[in-house]
Amino acid sequence: MKKFMLTIAIFAIAISTSTNTFAQKFPKLDVSPMDAAAFPTNWRDADKVVKVVYSRPSLKGRSLAKLAPNDKVWRTGANESAEITFYKDVVFGGKKVKAGTYSLYAIPTTGDWTIILSNQLNFWGSYFYKQDQDVVRVNGAVNKVEDAIEAFSIMFDKDMTLKMGWEHTIVSVPITVD
């Protein structure tokens, strides 16, 4: 009987150890989850013009001014710098931009914001931002809204205008195919 119990104990330990050895440990959900916005907005449309991949921080009782301070380069979201891909040559905020992938930065101000497309890719935050890598800087028109937007959000309207909203602020940049 002792041999039988010992065999079962060893077998149970072996199963427990082997299960843990092969178990995958996935990271917990990010507090600023990644999202994407595209135009056309129908995800099944294979003829995309533009797509933005970004992370969506939430206010959580904080202010936009604290999270994206005025007159400082901001990564346009959270975590890694947002990336915008143009699948066709476009006119972005009045300036011609070749098809390609760029980092999307912003400089918030008390008036309209400066929106930046940069050649720098795959960077966390805006800590390594270099102005000499700018492709274009354009004006982002600011509109104030009454209802607060809790999580930073990006979308494209029916005219392909890029809209970025957070707190009581919506920043717009027109885009057309060149």
N, C-alpha and C. Protein backbone atom coordinates (compact mmCIF):
# COMPACT_ATOMS: atom_id res chain seq x y z
N MET A 1 0.82 -1.19 0.00
CA MET A 1 0.00 0.00 0.00
C MET A 1 0.87 1.26 0.00
N LYS A 2 1.99 1.22 0.78
CA LYS A 2 2.88 2.38 0.82
C LYS A 2 3.48 2.64 -0.55
N LYS A 3 3.84 1.57 -1.28
CA LYS A 3 4.39 1.75 -2.62
C LYS A 3 3.36 2.38 -3.55
N PHE A 4 2.11 1.97 -3.41
CA PHE A 4 1.04 2.50 -4.24
C PHE A 4 0.84 3.99 -3.98
N MET A 5 0.80 4.39 -2.70
CA MET A 5 0.63 5.80 -2.33
C MET A 5 1.82 6.63 -2.79
N LEU A 6 3.03 6.09 -2.66
CA LEU A 6 4.24 6.77 -3.10
C LEU A 6 4.20 6.97 -4.61
N THR A 7 3.75 5.97 -5.34
CA THR A 7 3.65 6.06 -6.79
C THR A 7 2.65 7.14 -7.20
N ILE A 8 1.51 7.18 -6.53
CA ILE A 8 0.51 8.21 -6.84
C ILE A 8 1.05 9.60 -6.52
N ALA A 9 1.74 9.76 -5.41
CA ALA A 9 2.31 11.06 -5.04
C ALA A 9 3.34 11.51 -6.07
N ILE A 10 4.21 10.62 -6.48
CA ILE A 10 5.23 10.96 -7.48
C ILE A 10 4.56 11.31 -8.80
N PHE A 11 3.54 10.54 -9.19
CA PHE A 11 2.81 10.80 -10.42
C PHE A 11 2.13 12.17 -10.38
N ALA A 12 1.52 12.52 -9.25
CA ALA A 12 0.85 13.82 -9.10
C ALA A 12 1.85 14.96 -9.18
N ILE A 13 2.99 14.81 -8.56
CA ILE A 13 4.03 15.85 -8.61
C ILE A 13 4.55 16.00 -10.03
N ALA A 14 4.74 14.88 -10.72
CA ALA A 14 5.24 14.92 -12.10
C ALA A 14 4.25 15.64 -13.01
N ILE A 15 2.96 15.35 -12.86
CA ILE A 15 1.95 16.02 -13.68
C ILE A 15 1.91 17.50 -13.38
N SER A 16 1.95 17.86 -12.10
CA SER A 16 1.92 19.26 -11.70
C SER A 16 3.12 20.00 -12.27
N THR A 17 4.30 19.43 -12.17
CA THR A 17 5.52 20.05 -12.66
C THR A 17 5.49 20.18 -14.17
N SER A 18 5.08 19.13 -14.87
CA SER A 18 5.08 19.19 -16.33
C SER A 18 4.03 20.16 -16.85
N THR A 19 2.90 20.28 -16.18
CA THR A 19 1.86 21.22 -16.59
C THR A 19 2.37 22.64 -16.45
N ASN A 20 3.01 22.96 -15.35
CA ASN A 20 3.54 24.31 -15.13
C ASN A 20 4.66 24.63 -16.10
N THR A 21 5.44 23.64 -16.47
CA THR A 21 6.55 23.87 -17.37
C THR A 21 6.06 24.31 -18.74
N PHE A 22 4.94 23.75 -19.19
CA PHE A 22 4.45 24.05 -20.52
C PHE A 22 3.35 25.11 -20.56
N ALA A 23 2.92 25.58 -19.41
CA ALA A 23 1.85 26.59 -19.38
C ALA A 23 2.39 27.93 -19.87
N GLN A 24 1.59 28.64 -20.69
CA GLN A 24 1.96 29.96 -21.17
C GLN A 24 1.54 31.00 -20.15
N LYS A 25 2.39 31.97 -19.93
CA LYS A 25 2.07 33.06 -19.02
C LYS A 25 1.90 34.32 -19.84
N PHE A 26 0.64 34.64 -20.13
CA PHE A 26 0.35 35.83 -20.90
C PHE A 26 0.34 37.04 -19.98
N PRO A 27 0.77 38.20 -20.50
CA PRO A 27 0.74 39.40 -19.66
C PRO A 27 -0.69 39.83 -19.39
N LYS A 28 -0.86 40.56 -18.29
CA LYS A 28 -2.19 41.08 -17.98
C LYS A 28 -2.58 42.14 -19.01
N LEU A 29 -3.86 42.45 -19.07
CA LEU A 29 -4.37 43.44 -20.02
C LEU A 29 -3.74 44.80 -19.74
N ASP A 30 -3.28 45.46 -20.80
CA ASP A 30 -2.67 46.78 -20.69
C ASP A 30 -3.72 47.78 -20.23
N VAL A 31 -3.34 48.70 -19.35
CA VAL A 31 -4.29 49.71 -18.88
C VAL A 31 -4.60 50.74 -19.97
N SER A 32 -3.75 50.85 -20.98
CA SER A 32 -4.00 51.71 -22.15
C SER A 32 -3.97 50.80 -23.38
N PRO A 33 -5.06 50.10 -23.65
CA PRO A 33 -5.04 49.09 -24.72
C PRO A 33 -4.80 49.68 -26.10
N MET A 34 -4.20 48.86 -26.96
CA MET A 34 -3.93 49.27 -28.32
C MET A 34 -5.23 49.23 -29.13
N ASP A 35 -5.35 50.15 -30.08
CA ASP A 35 -6.52 50.20 -30.94
C ASP A 35 -6.06 50.67 -32.32
N ALA A 36 -6.96 50.66 -33.27
CA ALA A 36 -6.66 51.12 -34.62
C ALA A 36 -7.88 51.82 -35.20
N ALA A 37 -7.61 52.77 -36.07
CA ALA A 37 -8.66 53.46 -36.83
C ALA A 37 -8.20 53.50 -38.27
N ALA A 38 -9.14 53.38 -39.21
CA ALA A 38 -8.77 53.35 -40.63
C ALA A 38 -9.82 54.06 -41.46
N PHE A 39 -9.40 54.43 -42.69
CA PHE A 39 -10.33 54.96 -43.68
C PHE A 39 -10.07 54.24 -44.98
N PRO A 40 -11.12 53.72 -45.63
CA PRO A 40 -12.50 53.73 -45.19
C PRO A 40 -12.67 52.96 -43.88
N THR A 41 -13.72 53.31 -43.16
CA THR A 41 -13.92 52.73 -41.83
C THR A 41 -14.41 51.29 -41.86
N ASN A 42 -14.90 50.81 -42.99
CA ASN A 42 -15.31 49.42 -43.09
C ASN A 42 -14.06 48.54 -43.13
N TRP A 43 -13.83 47.76 -42.09
CA TRP A 43 -12.61 46.96 -41.98
C TRP A 43 -12.48 45.93 -43.08
N ARG A 44 -13.59 45.57 -43.72
CA ARG A 44 -13.53 44.59 -44.80
C ARG A 44 -13.09 45.20 -46.11
N ASP A 45 -13.06 46.51 -46.20
CA ASP A 45 -12.64 47.19 -47.42
C ASP A 45 -11.13 47.03 -47.58
N ALA A 46 -10.73 46.36 -48.64
CA ALA A 46 -9.31 46.08 -48.85
C ALA A 46 -8.54 47.27 -49.42
N ASP A 47 -9.25 48.29 -49.87
CA ASP A 47 -8.59 49.44 -50.49
C ASP A 47 -8.44 50.58 -49.48
N LYS A 48 -7.71 50.34 -48.41
CA LYS A 48 -7.52 51.35 -47.37
C LYS A 48 -6.65 52.49 -47.90
N VAL A 49 -6.91 53.69 -47.38
CA VAL A 49 -6.08 54.85 -47.68
C VAL A 49 -5.14 55.10 -46.51
N VAL A 50 -5.67 54.96 -45.27
CA VAL A 50 -4.89 55.31 -44.09
C VAL A 50 -5.33 54.44 -42.90
N LYS A 51 -4.37 54.12 -42.05
CA LYS A 51 -4.65 53.40 -40.81
C LYS A 51 -3.73 53.94 -39.71
N VAL A 52 -4.30 54.14 -38.53
CA VAL A 52 -3.53 54.58 -37.37
C VAL A 52 -3.60 53.48 -36.31
N VAL A 53 -2.46 53.12 -35.75
CA VAL A 53 -2.38 52.18 -34.63
C VAL A 53 -1.86 52.97 -33.44
N TYR A 54 -2.61 52.93 -32.33
CA TYR A 54 -2.27 53.77 -31.19
C TYR A 54 -2.78 53.11 -29.91
N SER A 55 -2.34 53.61 -28.77
CA SER A 55 -2.85 53.14 -27.48
C SER A 55 -3.79 54.18 -26.91
N ARG A 56 -4.78 53.70 -26.11
CA ARG A 56 -5.87 54.55 -25.64
C ARG A 56 -5.82 54.77 -24.13
N PRO A 57 -5.05 55.77 -23.68
CA PRO A 57 -5.07 56.07 -22.25
C PRO A 57 -6.42 56.66 -21.83
N SER A 58 -6.74 56.51 -20.56
CA SER A 58 -7.97 57.09 -20.00
C SER A 58 -7.61 58.20 -19.03
N LEU A 59 -8.54 59.13 -18.87
CA LEU A 59 -8.31 60.25 -17.96
C LEU A 59 -8.22 59.79 -16.51
N LYS A 60 -9.14 58.94 -16.07
CA LYS A 60 -9.17 58.42 -14.69
C LYS A 60 -9.01 59.54 -13.67
N GLY A 61 -9.78 60.62 -13.85
CA GLY A 61 -9.74 61.73 -12.91
C GLY A 61 -8.62 62.74 -13.14
N ARG A 62 -7.77 62.46 -14.10
CA ARG A 62 -6.67 63.38 -14.42
C ARG A 62 -7.11 64.33 -15.53
N SER A 63 -6.31 65.33 -15.82
CA SER A 63 -6.66 66.30 -16.86
C SER A 63 -5.82 66.06 -18.12
N LEU A 64 -6.37 66.50 -19.23
CA LEU A 64 -5.63 66.44 -20.50
C LEU A 64 -4.33 67.23 -20.38
N ALA A 65 -4.39 68.38 -19.74
CA ALA A 65 -3.20 69.23 -19.59
C ALA A 65 -2.08 68.53 -18.83
N LYS A 66 -2.44 67.65 -17.90
CA LYS A 66 -1.42 66.91 -17.15
C LYS A 66 -0.85 65.77 -17.99
N LEU A 67 -1.71 65.09 -18.75
CA LEU A 67 -1.28 63.92 -19.52
C LEU A 67 -0.63 64.27 -20.85
N ALA A 68 -1.02 65.39 -21.43
CA ALA A 68 -0.44 65.88 -22.69
C ALA A 68 -0.19 67.38 -22.52
N PRO A 69 0.89 67.73 -21.82
CA PRO A 69 1.14 69.14 -21.48
C PRO A 69 1.31 70.03 -22.70
N ASN A 70 0.83 71.26 -22.57
CA ASN A 70 0.97 72.26 -23.63
C ASN A 70 2.43 72.51 -23.97
N ASP A 71 2.66 72.74 -25.25
CA ASP A 71 3.95 73.14 -25.79
C ASP A 71 5.05 72.08 -25.66
N LYS A 72 4.65 70.81 -25.45
CA LYS A 72 5.61 69.71 -25.40
C LYS A 72 5.18 68.63 -26.38
N VAL A 73 6.15 67.99 -27.03
CA VAL A 73 5.84 66.92 -27.97
C VAL A 73 5.22 65.76 -27.20
N TRP A 74 4.07 65.30 -27.71
CA TRP A 74 3.33 64.21 -27.08
C TRP A 74 3.22 63.06 -28.07
N ARG A 75 3.29 61.85 -27.60
CA ARG A 75 3.29 60.65 -28.46
C ARG A 75 1.94 60.34 -29.10
N THR A 76 0.92 61.10 -28.82
CA THR A 76 -0.43 60.93 -29.37
C THR A 76 -1.01 59.58 -28.95
N GLY A 77 -1.17 59.43 -27.67
CA GLY A 77 -1.70 58.20 -27.09
C GLY A 77 -0.88 57.83 -25.88
N ALA A 78 -0.66 56.52 -25.71
CA ALA A 78 0.14 56.02 -24.59
C ALA A 78 1.11 54.97 -25.14
N ASN A 79 2.01 54.56 -24.29
CA ASN A 79 2.97 53.49 -24.63
C ASN A 79 3.83 53.89 -25.82
N GLU A 80 3.89 53.03 -26.85
CA GLU A 80 4.69 53.36 -28.03
C GLU A 80 4.08 54.53 -28.78
N SER A 81 4.89 55.24 -29.51
CA SER A 81 4.38 56.33 -30.33
C SER A 81 3.36 55.78 -31.32
N ALA A 82 2.29 56.53 -31.54
CA ALA A 82 1.28 56.12 -32.51
C ALA A 82 1.92 56.04 -33.89
N GLU A 83 1.46 55.09 -34.71
CA GLU A 83 1.94 54.97 -36.08
C GLU A 83 0.79 55.15 -37.05
N ILE A 84 1.04 55.94 -38.08
CA ILE A 84 0.05 56.17 -39.12
C ILE A 84 0.64 55.66 -40.43
N THR A 85 -0.14 54.86 -41.15
CA THR A 85 0.28 54.32 -42.43
C THR A 85 -0.63 54.87 -43.52
N PHE A 86 -0.03 55.46 -44.53
CA PHE A 86 -0.75 55.90 -45.71
C PHE A 86 -0.45 54.88 -46.80
N TYR A 87 -1.49 54.29 -47.36
CA TYR A 87 -1.32 53.29 -48.42
C TYR A 87 -1.27 53.94 -49.80
N LYS A 88 -1.54 55.23 -49.84
CA LYS A 88 -1.49 56.01 -51.08
C LYS A 88 -0.85 57.36 -50.74
N ASP A 89 -0.33 58.05 -51.73
CA ASP A 89 0.15 59.41 -51.52
C ASP A 89 -1.06 60.27 -51.12
N VAL A 90 -0.87 61.14 -50.14
CA VAL A 90 -1.98 61.96 -49.63
C VAL A 90 -1.54 63.41 -49.46
N VAL A 91 -2.53 64.25 -49.22
CA VAL A 91 -2.30 65.61 -48.76
C VAL A 91 -2.80 65.61 -47.32
N PHE A 92 -1.89 65.78 -46.38
CA PHE A 92 -2.17 65.71 -44.95
C PHE A 92 -2.10 67.12 -44.38
N GLY A 93 -3.25 67.65 -43.99
CA GLY A 93 -3.27 69.01 -43.45
C GLY A 93 -2.72 70.04 -44.41
N GLY A 94 -2.88 69.81 -45.71
CA GLY A 94 -2.42 70.77 -46.71
C GLY A 94 -1.02 70.49 -47.25
N LYS A 95 -0.35 69.45 -46.74
CA LYS A 95 1.01 69.15 -47.19
C LYS A 95 1.07 67.75 -47.77
N LYS A 96 1.79 67.61 -48.90
CA LYS A 96 1.91 66.32 -49.57
C LYS A 96 2.77 65.36 -48.76
N VAL A 97 2.28 64.12 -48.66
CA VAL A 97 3.00 63.08 -47.93
C VAL A 97 2.97 61.81 -48.78
N LYS A 98 4.12 61.19 -48.96
CA LYS A 98 4.23 59.95 -49.72
C LYS A 98 3.65 58.78 -48.93
N ALA A 99 3.16 57.77 -49.65
CA ALA A 99 2.69 56.55 -49.01
C ALA A 99 3.82 55.99 -48.13
N GLY A 100 3.47 55.49 -46.96
CA GLY A 100 4.46 54.95 -46.04
C GLY A 100 3.94 55.00 -44.61
N THR A 101 4.78 54.58 -43.69
CA THR A 101 4.44 54.56 -42.27
C THR A 101 5.27 55.59 -41.52
N TYR A 102 4.61 56.34 -40.65
CA TYR A 102 5.24 57.42 -39.91
C TYR A 102 4.77 57.37 -38.45
N SER A 103 5.56 57.93 -37.55
CA SER A 103 5.08 58.14 -36.18
C SER A 103 4.23 59.40 -36.18
N LEU A 104 3.20 59.40 -35.35
CA LEU A 104 2.27 60.52 -35.26
C LEU A 104 2.45 61.17 -33.89
N TYR A 105 2.94 62.40 -33.90
CA TYR A 105 3.14 63.16 -32.66
C TYR A 105 2.25 64.40 -32.69
N ALA A 106 2.06 65.00 -31.53
CA ALA A 106 1.28 66.24 -31.43
C ALA A 106 1.96 67.16 -30.43
N ILE A 107 1.77 68.45 -30.64
CA ILE A 107 2.17 69.45 -29.66
C ILE A 107 0.91 70.21 -29.28
N PRO A 108 0.33 69.88 -28.12
CA PRO A 108 -0.87 70.60 -27.67
C PRO A 108 -0.51 72.05 -27.32
N THR A 109 -1.45 72.94 -27.56
CA THR A 109 -1.30 74.34 -27.17
C THR A 109 -2.66 74.83 -26.69
N THR A 110 -2.72 76.07 -26.27
CA THR A 110 -4.01 76.64 -25.85
C THR A 110 -4.91 76.90 -27.05
N GLY A 111 -4.33 76.99 -28.25
CA GLY A 111 -5.11 77.16 -29.48
C GLY A 111 -5.08 75.87 -30.28
N ASP A 112 -4.86 76.01 -31.60
CA ASP A 112 -4.74 74.83 -32.44
C ASP A 112 -3.45 74.08 -32.12
N TRP A 113 -3.47 72.78 -32.36
CA TRP A 113 -2.32 71.94 -32.06
C TRP A 113 -1.43 71.78 -33.29
N THR A 114 -0.16 71.49 -33.06
CA THR A 114 0.75 71.12 -34.14
C THR A 114 0.76 69.60 -34.22
N ILE A 115 0.49 69.07 -35.41
CA ILE A 115 0.49 67.63 -35.63
C ILE A 115 1.72 67.29 -36.47
N ILE A 116 2.46 66.28 -36.06
CA ILE A 116 3.75 65.96 -36.67
C ILE A 116 3.74 64.54 -37.20
N LEU A 117 4.25 64.36 -38.42
CA LEU A 117 4.57 63.04 -38.96
C LEU A 117 6.08 62.94 -38.96
N SER A 118 6.59 61.85 -38.39
CA SER A 118 8.03 61.68 -38.24
C SER A 118 8.48 60.37 -38.88
N ASN A 119 9.71 60.36 -39.38
CA ASN A 119 10.32 59.14 -39.91
C ASN A 119 10.75 58.18 -38.80
N GLN A 120 10.83 58.65 -37.57
CA GLN A 120 11.25 57.80 -36.46
C GLN A 120 10.16 56.79 -36.16
N LEU A 121 10.49 55.51 -36.21
CA LEU A 121 9.51 54.46 -35.94
C LEU A 121 9.96 53.58 -34.78
N ASN A 122 9.00 52.92 -34.17
CA ASN A 122 9.26 51.90 -33.16
C ASN A 122 9.94 52.47 -31.92
N PHE A 123 9.38 53.58 -31.41
CA PHE A 123 9.89 54.18 -30.19
C PHE A 123 8.82 54.21 -29.12
N TRP A 124 9.21 54.04 -27.89
CA TRP A 124 8.29 54.12 -26.78
C TRP A 124 8.19 55.59 -26.37
N GLY A 125 6.97 56.09 -26.36
CA GLY A 125 6.74 57.47 -25.95
C GLY A 125 7.32 58.46 -26.94
N SER A 126 7.60 59.65 -26.44
CA SER A 126 8.22 60.69 -27.28
C SER A 126 9.59 61.07 -26.72
N TYR A 127 10.13 60.21 -25.87
CA TYR A 127 11.40 60.52 -25.21
C TYR A 127 12.57 60.62 -26.18
N PHE A 128 12.48 59.93 -27.31
CA PHE A 128 13.58 59.91 -28.27
C PHE A 128 13.25 60.71 -29.53
N TYR A 129 12.19 61.50 -29.46
CA TYR A 129 11.77 62.30 -30.61
C TYR A 129 12.88 63.25 -31.03
N LYS A 130 13.09 63.32 -32.36
CA LYS A 130 14.09 64.23 -32.93
C LYS A 130 13.43 65.04 -34.03
N GLN A 131 13.42 66.34 -33.88
CA GLN A 131 12.76 67.23 -34.83
C GLN A 131 13.33 67.09 -36.24
N ASP A 132 14.61 66.76 -36.36
CA ASP A 132 15.19 66.64 -37.70
C ASP A 132 14.66 65.44 -38.48
N GLN A 133 13.86 64.59 -37.82
CA GLN A 133 13.24 63.45 -38.49
C GLN A 133 11.80 63.75 -38.94
N ASP A 134 11.33 64.99 -38.71
CA ASP A 134 9.98 65.37 -39.12
C ASP A 134 9.84 65.28 -40.63
N VAL A 135 8.72 64.74 -41.07
CA VAL A 135 8.36 64.75 -42.49
C VAL A 135 7.53 65.99 -42.76
N VAL A 136 6.52 66.22 -41.94
CA VAL A 136 5.71 67.44 -42.02
C VAL A 136 5.22 67.81 -40.63
N ARG A 137 4.91 69.09 -40.49
CA ARG A 137 4.20 69.63 -39.33
C ARG A 137 3.01 70.39 -39.90
N VAL A 138 1.82 70.08 -39.37
CA VAL A 138 0.62 70.74 -39.87
C VAL A 138 -0.20 71.24 -38.70
N ASN A 139 -1.16 72.10 -39.02
CA ASN A 139 -2.07 72.64 -38.03
C ASN A 139 -3.20 71.65 -37.78
N GLY A 140 -3.48 71.36 -36.52
CA GLY A 140 -4.64 70.55 -36.13
C GLY A 140 -5.67 71.48 -35.51
N ALA A 141 -6.78 71.68 -36.19
CA ALA A 141 -7.82 72.59 -35.70
C ALA A 141 -8.48 72.00 -34.46
N VAL A 142 -8.64 72.81 -33.44
CA VAL A 142 -9.21 72.36 -32.16
C VAL A 142 -10.65 72.83 -32.03
N ASN A 143 -11.50 71.90 -31.64
CA ASN A 143 -12.89 72.20 -31.28
C ASN A 143 -13.12 71.70 -29.87
N LYS A 144 -13.86 72.46 -29.10
CA LYS A 144 -14.21 72.05 -27.75
C LYS A 144 -15.60 71.43 -27.77
N VAL A 145 -15.78 70.36 -26.99
CA VAL A 145 -17.07 69.69 -26.89
C VAL A 145 -17.51 69.66 -25.44
N GLU A 146 -18.82 69.60 -25.25
CA GLU A 146 -19.37 69.62 -23.90
C GLU A 146 -19.18 68.30 -23.17
N ASP A 147 -19.49 67.20 -23.85
CA ASP A 147 -19.38 65.87 -23.21
C ASP A 147 -17.93 65.41 -23.22
N ALA A 148 -17.43 65.03 -22.05
CA ALA A 148 -16.04 64.60 -21.93
C ALA A 148 -15.82 63.25 -22.60
N ILE A 149 -14.66 63.10 -23.23
CA ILE A 149 -14.23 61.84 -23.83
C ILE A 149 -13.22 61.24 -22.86
N GLU A 150 -13.59 60.15 -22.20
CA GLU A 150 -12.77 59.55 -21.14
C GLU A 150 -11.48 58.92 -21.69
N ALA A 151 -11.59 58.11 -22.72
CA ALA A 151 -10.43 57.42 -23.29
C ALA A 151 -10.02 58.13 -24.58
N PHE A 152 -8.74 58.40 -24.73
CA PHE A 152 -8.22 59.01 -25.95
C PHE A 152 -8.69 58.18 -27.15
N SER A 153 -9.22 58.85 -28.16
CA SER A 153 -9.80 58.15 -29.30
C SER A 153 -9.41 58.80 -30.61
N ILE A 154 -9.21 57.96 -31.62
CA ILE A 154 -8.93 58.44 -32.98
C ILE A 154 -9.96 57.82 -33.92
N MET A 155 -10.43 58.62 -34.87
CA MET A 155 -11.37 58.14 -35.89
C MET A 155 -11.18 58.97 -37.15
N PHE A 156 -11.82 58.53 -38.23
CA PHE A 156 -11.87 59.28 -39.47
C PHE A 156 -13.33 59.53 -39.79
N ASP A 157 -13.66 60.77 -40.16
CA ASP A 157 -15.05 61.04 -40.54
C ASP A 157 -15.25 60.66 -42.01
N LYS A 158 -16.45 60.89 -42.53
CA LYS A 158 -16.80 60.47 -43.89
C LYS A 158 -15.97 61.18 -44.96
N ASP A 159 -15.37 62.33 -44.62
CA ASP A 159 -14.53 63.07 -45.56
C ASP A 159 -13.04 62.74 -45.40
N MET A 160 -12.72 61.72 -44.61
CA MET A 160 -11.36 61.26 -44.31
C MET A 160 -10.59 62.26 -43.44
N THR A 161 -11.28 63.08 -42.70
CA THR A 161 -10.61 63.97 -41.74
C THR A 161 -10.23 63.15 -40.51
N LEU A 162 -8.96 63.24 -40.13
CA LEU A 162 -8.48 62.58 -38.92
C LEU A 162 -9.01 63.36 -37.72
N LYS A 163 -9.65 62.65 -36.79
CA LYS A 163 -10.18 63.28 -35.57
C LYS A 163 -9.56 62.58 -34.37
N MET A 164 -8.99 63.39 -33.48
CA MET A 164 -8.42 62.87 -32.23
C MET A 164 -9.14 63.55 -31.09
N GLY A 165 -9.76 62.77 -30.20
CA GLY A 165 -10.54 63.36 -29.12
C GLY A 165 -10.14 62.86 -27.75
N TRP A 166 -10.13 63.81 -26.81
CA TRP A 166 -9.85 63.46 -25.42
C TRP A 166 -10.30 64.61 -24.55
N GLU A 167 -10.86 64.29 -23.42
CA GLU A 167 -11.43 65.24 -22.48
C GLU A 167 -12.50 66.06 -23.21
N HIS A 168 -12.32 67.35 -23.34
CA HIS A 168 -13.31 68.20 -24.04
C HIS A 168 -12.73 68.75 -25.34
N THR A 169 -11.71 68.07 -25.87
CA THR A 169 -10.99 68.56 -27.04
C THR A 169 -11.05 67.56 -28.19
N ILE A 170 -11.35 68.07 -29.38
CA ILE A 170 -11.26 67.27 -30.61
C ILE A 170 -10.35 68.04 -31.57
N VAL A 171 -9.32 67.37 -32.03
CA VAL A 171 -8.35 67.94 -32.97
C VAL A 171 -8.59 67.30 -34.34
N SER A 172 -8.67 68.13 -35.38
CA SER A 172 -8.98 67.64 -36.73
C SER A 172 -7.89 68.00 -37.72
N VAL A 173 -7.55 67.03 -38.60
CA VAL A 173 -6.60 67.27 -39.69
C VAL A 173 -7.22 66.68 -40.96
N PRO A 174 -7.45 67.52 -41.97
CA PRO A 174 -8.01 67.00 -43.23
C PRO A 174 -6.99 66.19 -44.00
N ILE A 175 -7.48 65.12 -44.64
CA ILE A 175 -6.63 64.26 -45.48
C ILE A 175 -7.37 64.04 -46.80
N THR A 176 -6.65 64.18 -47.91
CA THR A 176 -7.19 63.85 -49.22
C THR A 176 -6.16 63.02 -49.97
N VAL A 177 -6.63 62.23 -50.91
CA VAL A 177 -5.73 61.44 -51.75
C VAL A 177 -5.11 62.38 -52.77
N ASP A 178 -3.79 62.29 -52.92
CA ASP A 178 -3.06 63.17 -53.84
C ASP A 178 -3.20 62.68 -55.27
